[in-house]
Amino acid sequence: MVVLYVILAIVLSACLTFYRVMKGPSVSDRIVAMHAIGVMFLLVLVLLSYFFARKIFIDVALVYGVFLFVDIVIMAKYLRKPEQGGVRD
């Protein structure tokens, strides 16, 4: 039962972080907020795996984590400094 309360707290935190995605002062802040929401939902998948005793959720969480990492690397490369060929804020 405690797992459900933790999941609820994480989802509430993700909803509050979504405000930073919408109103972030810069593109970098928005990217960090999106990544934080992704990590929160990854944690929710792991907790659901524990709650339902299903190992498949762990596999899905691992694949999702790899996609999150690749996404951040691509965004960092795209948003590098303008003098290095990136885009402006």
PDB file of N, CA and C in Angstrom:
ATOM      1  N   MET A   1       0.820  -1.204   0.000  1.00  0.00           N
ATOM      2  CA  MET A   1       0.000   0.000   0.000  1.00  0.00           C
ATOM      3  C   MET A   1       0.857   1.258   0.000  1.00  0.00           C
ATOM      4  N   VAL A   2       2.004   1.191   0.642  1.00  0.00           N
ATOM      5  CA  VAL A   2       2.897   2.346   0.687  1.00  0.00           C
ATOM      6  C   VAL A   2       3.412   2.660  -0.714  1.00  0.00           C
ATOM      7  N   VAL A   3       3.585   1.637  -1.529  1.00  0.00           N
ATOM      8  CA  VAL A   3       4.075   1.835  -2.896  1.00  0.00           C
ATOM      9  C   VAL A   3       3.116   2.724  -3.681  1.00  0.00           C
ATOM     10  N   LEU A   4       1.833   2.549  -3.478  1.00  0.00           N
ATOM     11  CA  LEU A   4       0.853   3.369  -4.191  1.00  0.00           C
ATOM     12  C   LEU A   4       0.946   4.837  -3.786  1.00  0.00           C
ATOM     13  N   TYR A   5       1.204   5.106  -2.517  1.00  0.00           N
ATOM     14  CA  TYR A   5       1.365   6.485  -2.067  1.00  0.00           C
ATOM     15  C   TYR A   5       2.636   7.111  -2.644  1.00  0.00           C
ATOM     16  N   VAL A   6       3.677   6.323  -2.747  1.00  0.00           N
ATOM     17  CA  VAL A   6       4.915   6.814  -3.346  1.00  0.00           C
ATOM     18  C   VAL A   6       4.700   7.115  -4.830  1.00  0.00           C
ATOM     19  N   ILE A   7       3.991   6.238  -5.520  1.00  0.00           N
ATOM     20  CA  ILE A   7       3.682   6.465  -6.936  1.00  0.00           C
ATOM     21  C   ILE A   7       2.850   7.732  -7.094  1.00  0.00           C
ATOM     22  N   LEU A   8       1.874   7.926  -6.227  1.00  0.00           N
ATOM     23  CA  LEU A   8       1.048   9.131  -6.275  1.00  0.00           C
ATOM     24  C   LEU A   8       1.888  10.383  -6.047  1.00  0.00           C
ATOM     25  N   ALA A   9       2.825  10.330  -5.110  1.00  0.00           N
ATOM     26  CA  ALA A   9       3.704  11.474  -4.850  1.00  0.00           C
ATOM     27  C   ALA A   9       4.594  11.767  -6.053  1.00  0.00           C
ATOM     28  N   ILE A  10       5.075  10.725  -6.716  1.00  0.00           N
ATOM     29  CA  ILE A  10       5.925  10.923  -7.891  1.00  0.00           C
ATOM     30  C   ILE A  10       5.122  11.538  -9.034  1.00  0.00           C
ATOM     31  N   VAL A  11       3.912  11.069  -9.240  1.00  0.00           N
ATOM     32  CA  VAL A  11       3.073  11.619 -10.308  1.00  0.00           C
ATOM     33  C   VAL A  11       2.723  13.077 -10.017  1.00  0.00           C
ATOM     34  N   LEU A  12       2.445  13.397  -8.769  1.00  0.00           N
ATOM     35  CA  LEU A  12       2.173  14.782  -8.395  1.00  0.00           C
ATOM     36  C   LEU A  12       3.407  15.650  -8.641  1.00  0.00           C
ATOM     37  N   SER A  13       4.573  15.136  -8.295  1.00  0.00           N
ATOM     38  CA  SER A  13       5.814  15.856  -8.540  1.00  0.00           C
ATOM     39  C   SER A  13       6.049  16.058 -10.036  1.00  0.00           C
ATOM     40  N   ALA A  14       5.719  15.066 -10.834  1.00  0.00           N
ATOM     41  CA  ALA A  14       5.861  15.196 -12.292  1.00  0.00           C
ATOM     42  C   ALA A  14       4.913  16.264 -12.835  1.00  0.00           C
ATOM     43  N   CYS A  15       3.728  16.332 -12.284  1.00  0.00           N
ATOM     44  CA  CYS A  15       2.782  17.370 -12.714  1.00  0.00           C
ATOM     45  C   CYS A  15       3.297  18.762 -12.365  1.00  0.00           C
ATOM     46  N   LEU A  16       3.909  18.902 -11.203  1.00  0.00           N
ATOM     47  CA  LEU A  16       4.483  20.188 -10.825  1.00  0.00           C
ATOM     48  C   LEU A  16       5.700  20.522 -11.691  1.00  0.00           C
ATOM     49  N   THR A  17       6.463  19.536 -12.062  1.00  0.00           N
ATOM     50  CA  THR A  17       7.623  19.761 -12.920  1.00  0.00           C
ATOM     51  C   THR A  17       7.190  20.146 -14.332  1.00  0.00           C
ATOM     52  N   PHE A  18       6.018  19.711 -14.723  1.00  0.00           N
ATOM     53  CA  PHE A  18       5.503  20.060 -16.046  1.00  0.00           C
ATOM     54  C   PHE A  18       5.330  21.569 -16.194  1.00  0.00           C
ATOM     55  N   TYR A  19       5.099  22.250 -15.078  1.00  0.00           N
ATOM     56  CA  TYR A  19       5.023  23.716 -15.109  1.00  0.00           C
ATOM     57  C   TYR A  19       6.350  24.295 -15.595  1.00  0.00           C
ATOM     58  N   ARG A  20       7.462  23.716 -15.164  1.00  0.00           N
ATOM     59  CA  ARG A  20       8.785  24.181 -15.601  1.00  0.00           C
ATOM     60  C   ARG A  20       8.979  23.918 -17.095  1.00  0.00           C
ATOM     61  N   VAL A  21       8.389  22.841 -17.593  1.00  0.00           N
ATOM     62  CA  VAL A  21       8.481  22.568 -19.033  1.00  0.00           C
ATOM     63  C   VAL A  21       7.749  23.660 -19.819  1.00  0.00           C
ATOM     64  N   MET A  22       6.613  24.076 -19.328  1.00  0.00           N
ATOM     65  CA  MET A  22       5.813  25.066 -20.039  1.00  0.00           C
ATOM     66  C   MET A  22       6.349  26.487 -19.871  1.00  0.00           C
ATOM     67  N   LYS A  23       6.833  26.846 -18.686  1.00  0.00           N
ATOM     68  CA  LYS A  23       7.214  28.233 -18.389  1.00  0.00           C
ATOM     69  C   LYS A  23       8.703  28.407 -18.125  1.00  0.00           C
ATOM     70  N   GLY A  24       9.514  27.442 -18.487  1.00  0.00           N
ATOM     71  CA  GLY A  24      10.943  27.531 -18.200  1.00  0.00           C
ATOM     72  C   GLY A  24      11.562  28.779 -18.799  1.00  0.00           C
ATOM     73  N   PRO A  25      12.510  29.379 -18.105  1.00  0.00           N
ATOM     74  CA  PRO A  25      13.112  30.602 -18.646  1.00  0.00           C
ATOM     75  C   PRO A  25      13.972  30.353 -19.890  1.00  0.00           C
ATOM     76  N   SER A  26      14.469  29.163 -20.065  1.00  0.00           N
ATOM     77  CA  SER A  26      15.293  28.896 -21.248  1.00  0.00           C
ATOM     78  C   SER A  26      15.003  27.484 -21.759  1.00  0.00           C
ATOM     79  N   VAL A  27      15.508  27.219 -22.936  1.00  0.00           N
ATOM     80  CA  VAL A  27      15.320  25.902 -23.540  1.00  0.00           C
ATOM     81  C   VAL A  27      16.028  24.835 -22.709  1.00  0.00           C
ATOM     82  N   SER A  28      17.187  25.174 -22.170  1.00  0.00           N
ATOM     83  CA  SER A  28      17.928  24.209 -21.355  1.00  0.00           C
ATOM     84  C   SER A  28      17.133  23.788 -20.125  1.00  0.00           C
ATOM     85  N   ASP A  29      16.487  24.747 -19.464  1.00  0.00           N
ATOM     86  CA  ASP A  29      15.661  24.411 -18.301  1.00  0.00           C
ATOM     87  C   ASP A  29      14.505  23.501 -18.681  1.00  0.00           C
ATOM     88  N   ARG A  30      13.927  23.744 -19.821  1.00  0.00           N
ATOM     89  CA  ARG A  30      12.811  22.906 -20.277  1.00  0.00           C
ATOM     90  C   ARG A  30      13.274  21.482 -20.575  1.00  0.00           C
ATOM     91  N   ILE A  31      14.451  21.349 -21.160  1.00  0.00           N
ATOM     92  CA  ILE A  31      14.984  20.017 -21.460  1.00  0.00           C
ATOM     93  C   ILE A  31      15.271  19.261 -20.171  1.00  0.00           C
ATOM     94  N   VAL A  32      15.859  19.944 -19.196  1.00  0.00           N
ATOM     95  CA  VAL A  32      16.144  19.297 -17.917  1.00  0.00           C
ATOM     96  C   VAL A  32      14.848  18.870 -17.234  1.00  0.00           C
ATOM     97  N   ALA A  33      13.819  19.710 -17.298  1.00  0.00           N
ATOM     98  CA  ALA A  33      12.536  19.360 -16.696  1.00  0.00           C
ATOM     99  C   ALA A  33      11.900  18.162 -17.400  1.00  0.00           C
ATOM    100  N   MET A  34      11.996  18.110 -18.727  1.00  0.00           N
ATOM    101  CA  MET A  34      11.452  16.961 -19.449  1.00  0.00           C
ATOM    102  C   MET A  34      12.192  15.680 -19.075  1.00  0.00           C
ATOM    103  N   HIS A  35      13.501  15.797 -18.930  1.00  0.00           N
ATOM    104  CA  HIS A  35      14.277  14.625 -18.542  1.00  0.00           C
ATOM    105  C   HIS A  35      13.915  14.184 -17.113  1.00  0.00           C
ATOM    106  N   ALA A  36      13.694  15.138 -16.229  1.00  0.00           N
ATOM    107  CA  ALA A  36      13.301  14.806 -14.852  1.00  0.00           C
ATOM    108  C   ALA A  36      11.953  14.085 -14.830  1.00  0.00           C
ATOM    109  N   ILE A  37      11.022  14.533 -15.660  1.00  0.00           N
ATOM    110  CA  ILE A  37       9.725  13.857 -15.737  1.00  0.00           C
ATOM    111  C   ILE A  37       9.904  12.443 -16.274  1.00  0.00           C
ATOM    112  N   GLY A  38      10.776  12.271 -17.250  1.00  0.00           N
ATOM    113  CA  GLY A  38      11.045  10.937 -17.782  1.00  0.00           C
ATOM    114  C   GLY A  38      11.621  10.005 -16.721  1.00  0.00           C
ATOM    115  N   VAL A  39      12.537  10.522 -15.916  1.00  0.00           N
ATOM    116  CA  VAL A  39      13.119   9.710 -14.845  1.00  0.00           C
ATOM    117  C   VAL A  39      12.067   9.365 -13.792  1.00  0.00           C
ATOM    118  N   MET A  40      11.165  10.306 -13.516  1.00  0.00           N
ATOM    119  CA  MET A  40      10.097  10.027 -12.549  1.00  0.00           C
ATOM    120  C   MET A  40       9.199   8.896 -13.041  1.00  0.00           C
ATOM    121  N   PHE A  41       8.848   8.923 -14.309  1.00  0.00           N
ATOM    122  CA  PHE A  41       7.992   7.862 -14.833  1.00  0.00           C
ATOM    123  C   PHE A  41       8.743   6.536 -14.945  1.00  0.00           C
ATOM    124  N   LEU A  42      10.044   6.603 -15.146  1.00  0.00           N
ATOM    125  CA  LEU A  42      10.845   5.386 -15.112  1.00  0.00           C
ATOM    126  C   LEU A  42      10.784   4.768 -13.713  1.00  0.00           C
ATOM    127  N   LEU A  43      10.875   5.600 -12.694  1.00  0.00           N
ATOM    128  CA  LEU A  43      10.760   5.123 -11.318  1.00  0.00           C
ATOM    129  C   LEU A  43       9.369   4.556 -11.040  1.00  0.00           C
ATOM    130  N   VAL A  44       8.346   5.163 -11.611  1.00  0.00           N
ATOM    131  CA  VAL A  44       6.983   4.633 -11.459  1.00  0.00           C
ATOM    132  C   VAL A  44       6.889   3.236 -12.071  1.00  0.00           C
ATOM    133  N   LEU A  45       7.517   3.034 -13.226  1.00  0.00           N
ATOM    134  CA  LEU A  45       7.519   1.699 -13.842  1.00  0.00           C
ATOM    135  C   LEU A  45       8.191   0.671 -12.941  1.00  0.00           C
ATOM    136  N   VAL A  46       9.300   1.049 -12.327  1.00  0.00           N
ATOM    137  CA  VAL A  46       9.992   0.122 -11.434  1.00  0.00           C
ATOM    138  C   VAL A  46       9.136  -0.190 -10.212  1.00  0.00           C
ATOM    139  N   LEU A  47       8.487   0.815  -9.656  1.00  0.00           N
ATOM    140  CA  LEU A  47       7.626   0.576  -8.494  1.00  0.00           C
ATOM    141  C   LEU A  47       6.402  -0.261  -8.855  1.00  0.00           C
ATOM    142  N   LEU A  48       5.854  -0.052 -10.040  1.00  0.00           N
ATOM    143  CA  LEU A  48       4.739  -0.891 -10.483  1.00  0.00           C
ATOM    144  C   LEU A  48       5.184  -2.337 -10.676  1.00  0.00           C
ATOM    145  N   SER A  49       6.409  -2.508 -11.135  1.00  0.00           N
ATOM    146  CA  SER A  49       6.954  -3.858 -11.261  1.00  0.00           C
ATOM    147  C   SER A  49       7.011  -4.549  -9.905  1.00  0.00           C
ATOM    148  N   TYR A  50       7.433  -3.813  -8.900  1.00  0.00           N
ATOM    149  CA  TYR A  50       7.481  -4.360  -7.543  1.00  0.00           C
ATOM    150  C   TYR A  50       6.071  -4.640  -7.019  1.00  0.00           C
ATOM    151  N   PHE A  51       5.145  -3.704  -7.251  1.00  0.00           N
ATOM    152  CA  PHE A  51       3.790  -3.836  -6.724  1.00  0.00           C
ATOM    153  C   PHE A  51       3.052  -5.018  -7.352  1.00  0.00           C
ATOM    154  N   PHE A  52       3.175  -5.192  -8.669  1.00  0.00           N
ATOM    155  CA  PHE A  52       2.471  -6.269  -9.359  1.00  0.00           C
ATOM    156  C   PHE A  52       3.296  -7.545  -9.483  1.00  0.00           C
ATOM    157  N   ALA A  53       4.558  -7.505  -9.049  1.00  0.00           N
ATOM    158  CA  ALA A  53       5.474  -8.655  -9.130  1.00  0.00           C
ATOM    159  C   ALA A  53       5.603  -9.155 -10.567  1.00  0.00           C
ATOM    160  N   ARG A  54       5.792  -8.207 -11.481  1.00  0.00           N
ATOM    161  CA  ARG A  54       5.957  -8.521 -12.907  1.00  0.00           C
ATOM    162  C   ARG A  54       7.321  -8.019 -13.357  1.00  0.00           C
ATOM    163  N   LYS A  55       8.173  -8.917 -13.817  1.00  0.00           N
ATOM    164  CA  LYS A  55       9.519  -8.544 -14.227  1.00  0.00           C
ATOM    165  C   LYS A  55       9.557  -7.835 -15.575  1.00  0.00           C
ATOM    166  N   ILE A  56       8.502  -7.945 -16.357  1.00  0.00           N
ATOM    167  CA  ILE A  56       8.486  -7.317 -17.675  1.00  0.00           C
ATOM    168  C   ILE A  56       8.546  -5.800 -17.556  1.00  0.00           C
ATOM    169  N   PHE A  57       7.999  -5.245 -16.474  1.00  0.00           N
ATOM    170  CA  PHE A  57       8.046  -3.793 -16.285  1.00  0.00           C
ATOM    171  C   PHE A  57       9.481  -3.308 -16.097  1.00  0.00           C
ATOM    172  N   ILE A  58      10.325  -4.130 -15.504  1.00  0.00           N
ATOM    173  CA  ILE A  58      11.732  -3.775 -15.334  1.00  0.00           C
ATOM    174  C   ILE A  58      12.406  -3.714 -16.701  1.00  0.00           C
ATOM    175  N   ASP A  59      12.101  -4.669 -17.573  1.00  0.00           N
ATOM    176  CA  ASP A  59      12.666  -4.656 -18.922  1.00  0.00           C
ATOM    177  C   ASP A  59      12.227  -3.412 -19.691  1.00  0.00           C
ATOM    178  N   VAL A  60      10.962  -3.077 -19.577  1.00  0.00           N
ATOM    179  CA  VAL A  60      10.449  -1.877 -20.238  1.00  0.00           C
ATOM    180  C   VAL A  60      11.129  -0.634 -19.670  1.00  0.00           C
ATOM    181  N   ALA A  61      11.335  -0.599 -18.356  1.00  0.00           N
ATOM    182  CA  ALA A  61      11.991   0.543 -17.727  1.00  0.00           C
ATOM    183  C   ALA A  61      13.443   0.675 -18.193  1.00  0.00           C
ATOM    184  N   LEU A  62      14.133  -0.431 -18.368  1.00  0.00           N
ATOM    185  CA  LEU A  62      15.512  -0.382 -18.856  1.00  0.00           C
ATOM    186  C   LEU A  62      15.582   0.183 -20.279  1.00  0.00           C
ATOM    187  N   VAL A  63      14.705  -0.277 -21.144  1.00  0.00           N
ATOM    188  CA  VAL A  63      14.672   0.232 -22.523  1.00  0.00           C
ATOM    189  C   VAL A  63      14.308   1.714 -22.527  1.00  0.00           C
ATOM    190  N   TYR A  64      13.351   2.078 -21.701  1.00  0.00           N
ATOM    191  CA  TYR A  64      12.934   3.481 -21.595  1.00  0.00           C
ATOM    192  C   TYR A  64      14.093   4.344 -21.085  1.00  0.00           C
ATOM    193  N   GLY A  65      14.866   3.838 -20.153  1.00  0.00           N
ATOM    194  CA  GLY A  65      16.026   4.559 -19.643  1.00  0.00           C
ATOM    195  C   GLY A  65      17.079   4.777 -20.706  1.00  0.00           C
ATOM    196  N   VAL A  66      17.303   3.781 -21.550  1.00  0.00           N
ATOM    197  CA  VAL A  66      18.258   3.933 -22.652  1.00  0.00           C
ATOM    198  C   VAL A  66      17.765   5.002 -23.626  1.00  0.00           C
ATOM    199  N   PHE A  67      16.474   4.999 -23.936  1.00  0.00           N
ATOM    200  CA  PHE A  67      15.928   6.022 -24.827  1.00  0.00           C
ATOM    201  C   PHE A  67      16.040   7.415 -24.216  1.00  0.00           C
ATOM    202  N   LEU A  68      15.842   7.523 -22.902  1.00  0.00           N
ATOM    203  CA  LEU A  68      16.006   8.812 -22.234  1.00  0.00           C
ATOM    204  C   LEU A  68      17.440   9.315 -22.367  1.00  0.00           C
ATOM    205  N   PHE A  69      18.403   8.421 -22.179  1.00  0.00           N
ATOM    206  CA  PHE A  69      19.807   8.802 -22.292  1.00  0.00           C
ATOM    207  C   PHE A  69      20.142   9.253 -23.705  1.00  0.00           C
ATOM    208  N   VAL A  70      19.714   8.499 -24.697  1.00  0.00           N
ATOM    209  CA  VAL A  70      19.988   8.846 -26.086  1.00  0.00           C
ATOM    210  C   VAL A  70      19.330  10.178 -26.442  1.00  0.00           C
ATOM    211  N   ASP A  71      18.124  10.401 -25.948  1.00  0.00           N
ATOM    212  CA  ASP A  71      17.409  11.647 -26.194  1.00  0.00           C
ATOM    213  C   ASP A  71      18.191  12.845 -25.652  1.00  0.00           C
ATOM    214  N   ILE A  72      18.719  12.740 -24.451  1.00  0.00           N
ATOM    215  CA  ILE A  72      19.471  13.838 -23.855  1.00  0.00           C
ATOM    216  C   ILE A  72      20.771  14.084 -24.627  1.00  0.00           C
ATOM    217  N   VAL A  73      21.429  13.036 -25.057  1.00  0.00           N
ATOM    218  CA  VAL A  73      22.669  13.202 -25.826  1.00  0.00           C
ATOM    219  C   VAL A  73      22.385  13.909 -27.149  1.00  0.00           C
ATOM    220  N   ILE A  74      21.311  13.540 -27.807  1.00  0.00           N
ATOM    221  CA  ILE A  74      20.955  14.180 -29.077  1.00  0.00           C
ATOM    222  C   ILE A  74      20.600  15.646 -28.860  1.00  0.00           C
ATOM    223  N   MET A  75      19.818  15.932 -27.831  1.00  0.00           N
ATOM    224  CA  MET A  75      19.453  17.327 -27.556  1.00  0.00           C
ATOM    225  C   MET A  75      20.664  18.156 -27.170  1.00  0.00           C
ATOM    226  N   ALA A  76      21.581  17.599 -26.415  1.00  0.00           N
ATOM    227  CA  ALA A  76      22.787  18.335 -26.033  1.00  0.00           C
ATOM    228  C   ALA A  76      23.640  18.645 -27.260  1.00  0.00           C
ATOM    229  N   LYS A  77      23.704  17.716 -28.178  1.00  0.00           N
ATOM    230  CA  LYS A  77      24.477  17.955 -29.398  1.00  0.00           C
ATOM    231  C   LYS A  77      23.797  19.016 -30.259  1.00  0.00           C
ATOM    232  N   TYR A  78      22.486  18.988 -30.326  1.00  0.00           N
ATOM    233  CA  TYR A  78      21.753  19.938 -31.146  1.00  0.00           C
ATOM    234  C   TYR A  78      21.790  21.338 -30.534  1.00  0.00           C
ATOM    235  N   LEU A  79      21.774  21.440 -29.221  1.00  0.00           N
ATOM    236  CA  LEU A  79      21.708  22.738 -28.548  1.00  0.00           C
ATOM    237  C   LEU A  79      23.060  23.211 -28.027  1.00  0.00           C
ATOM    238  N   ARG A  80      24.138  22.782 -28.640  1.00  0.00           N
ATOM    239  CA  ARG A  80      25.453  23.261 -28.215  1.00  0.00           C
ATOM    240  C   ARG A  80      25.574  24.747 -28.558  1.00  0.00           C
ATOM    241  N   LYS A  81      26.679  25.343 -28.228  1.00  0.00           N
ATOM    242  CA  LYS A  81      26.870  26.781 -28.413  1.00  0.00           C
ATOM    243  C   LYS A  81      26.723  27.153 -29.888  1.00  0.00           C
ATOM    244  N   PRO A  82      26.115  28.328 -30.152  1.00  0.00           N
ATOM    245  CA  PRO A  82      25.895  28.735 -31.549  1.00  0.00           C
ATOM    246  C   PRO A  82      27.165  28.843 -32.376  1.00  0.00           C
ATOM    247  N   GLU A  83      28.276  29.236 -31.759  1.00  0.00           N
ATOM    248  CA  GLU A  83      29.518  29.345 -32.531  1.00  0.00           C
ATOM    249  C   GLU A  83      30.070  27.984 -32.925  1.00  0.00           C
ATOM    250  N   GLN A  84      29.523  26.910 -32.320  1.00  0.00           N
ATOM    251  CA  GLN A  84      29.939  25.564 -32.671  1.00  0.00           C
ATOM    252  C   GLN A  84      28.944  24.884 -33.596  1.00  0.00           C
ATOM    253  N   GLY A  85      27.999  25.634 -34.116  1.00  0.00           N
ATOM    254  CA  GLY A  85      27.042  25.071 -35.061  1.00  0.00           C
ATOM    255  C   GLY A  85      25.696  24.727 -34.453  1.00  0.00           C
ATOM    256  N   GLY A  86      25.441  25.125 -33.218  1.00  0.00           N
ATOM    257  CA  GLY A  86      24.164  24.848 -32.579  1.00  0.00           C
ATOM    258  C   GLY A  86      23.147  25.936 -32.877  1.00  0.00           C
ATOM    259  N   VAL A  87      22.011  25.894 -32.220  1.00  0.00           N
ATOM    260  CA  VAL A  87      20.972  26.904 -32.402  1.00  0.00           C
ATOM    261  C   VAL A  87      20.950  27.847 -31.221  1.00  0.00           C
ATOM    262  N   ARG A  88      20.366  29.008 -31.415  1.00  0.00           N
ATOM    263  CA  ARG A  88      20.276  29.987 -30.320  1.00  0.00           C
ATOM    264  C   ARG A  88      19.072  29.713 -29.449  1.00  0.00           C
ATOM    265  N   ASP A  89      19.127  30.257 -28.232  1.00  0.00           N
ATOM    266  CA  ASP A  89      18.032  30.126 -27.256  1.00  0.00           C
ATOM    267  C   ASP A  89      16.841  30.956 -27.635  1.00  0.00           C
TER     268      ASP A  89
END
